[in-house]
């Protein structure tokens, strides 16, 4: 059984999951540690789309807030 590669799409950046063998929750937790802008985003494994032999997760990013 081969493991399908996961890719997280954050804006225009595509980030390959280095540990596609881990459960989705652990992989997303590791992504949040390296990309804090997605920390408050909720994603589910069922949100993935199978595109060109990879599972792509489009991560919604909250817009930055400014004072004034």
Protein backbone atom coordinates (compact mmCIF):
# COMPACT_ATOMS: atom_id res chain seq x y z
CA UNK A 1 0.00 0.00 0.00
CA UNK A 2 1.49 3.33 -1.03
CA UNK A 3 0.99 6.53 0.92
CA UNK A 4 -0.53 9.46 -0.94
CA UNK A 5 1.43 12.68 -0.51
CA UNK A 6 -0.32 15.51 1.36
CA UNK A 7 0.13 19.13 0.36
CA UNK A 8 -1.03 22.14 2.38
CA UNK A 9 -1.85 25.22 0.30
CA UNK A 10 -1.49 28.43 2.33
CA UNK A 11 -2.29 31.38 0.10
CA UNK A 12 -0.05 30.95 -2.95
CA UNK A 13 2.46 28.72 -1.12
CA UNK A 14 2.29 24.94 -1.43
CA UNK A 15 3.90 23.10 1.47
CA UNK A 16 4.51 19.37 1.15
CA UNK A 17 3.88 17.32 4.25
CA UNK A 18 7.22 15.70 5.16
CA UNK A 19 5.46 13.02 7.24
CA UNK A 20 2.53 11.86 5.11
CA UNK A 21 2.49 8.61 7.07
CA UNK A 22 1.34 10.40 10.24
CA UNK A 23 -2.37 10.85 11.00
CA UNK A 24 -3.83 14.08 9.61
CA UNK A 25 -4.27 15.68 13.05
CA UNK A 26 -0.58 15.23 13.93
CA UNK A 27 0.56 16.48 10.52
CA UNK A 28 -1.62 19.61 10.84
CA UNK A 29 -0.30 20.17 14.38
CA UNK A 30 3.27 20.07 13.03
CA UNK A 31 2.30 22.52 10.28
CA UNK A 32 0.89 24.92 12.89
CA UNK A 33 4.18 24.85 14.79
CA UNK A 34 6.13 25.95 11.74
CA UNK A 35 3.46 28.29 10.27
CA UNK A 36 1.78 30.11 13.18
CA UNK A 37 -0.58 32.05 10.88
CA UNK A 38 -2.70 28.89 10.51
CA UNK A 39 -2.79 28.04 14.21
CA UNK A 40 -6.39 29.23 14.71
CA UNK A 41 -7.68 27.54 11.57
CA UNK A 42 -9.78 24.42 11.91
CA UNK A 43 -9.24 21.75 9.25
CA UNK A 44 -10.61 18.25 8.83
CA UNK A 45 -9.17 15.33 6.91
CA UNK A 46 -12.29 15.34 4.72
CA UNK A 47 -11.43 18.89 3.51
CA UNK A 48 -8.70 17.48 1.24
CA UNK A 49 -9.08 17.40 -2.54
CA UNK A 50 -7.40 14.71 -4.64
CA UNK A 51 -5.49 16.60 -7.37
CA UNK A 52 -2.78 15.13 -9.62
CA UNK A 53 -2.04 12.16 -7.35
CA UNK A 54 -1.80 14.28 -4.17
CA UNK A 55 -4.26 15.26 -1.48
CA UNK A 56 -4.34 19.07 -1.36
CA UNK A 57 -5.65 20.91 1.69
CA UNK A 58 -6.43 24.58 1.04
CA UNK A 59 -5.83 26.25 4.40
CA UNK A 60 -7.94 29.38 4.98
CA UNK A 61 -5.87 32.16 6.51
CA UNK A 62 -7.47 34.80 8.71
CA UNK A 63 -6.80 38.36 7.49
CA UNK A 64 -4.44 40.38 9.68
CA UNK A 65 -6.08 42.91 11.98
CA UNK A 66 -4.77 46.44 12.37
CA UNK A 67 -5.55 49.16 14.84
CA UNK A 68 -6.82 52.43 13.53
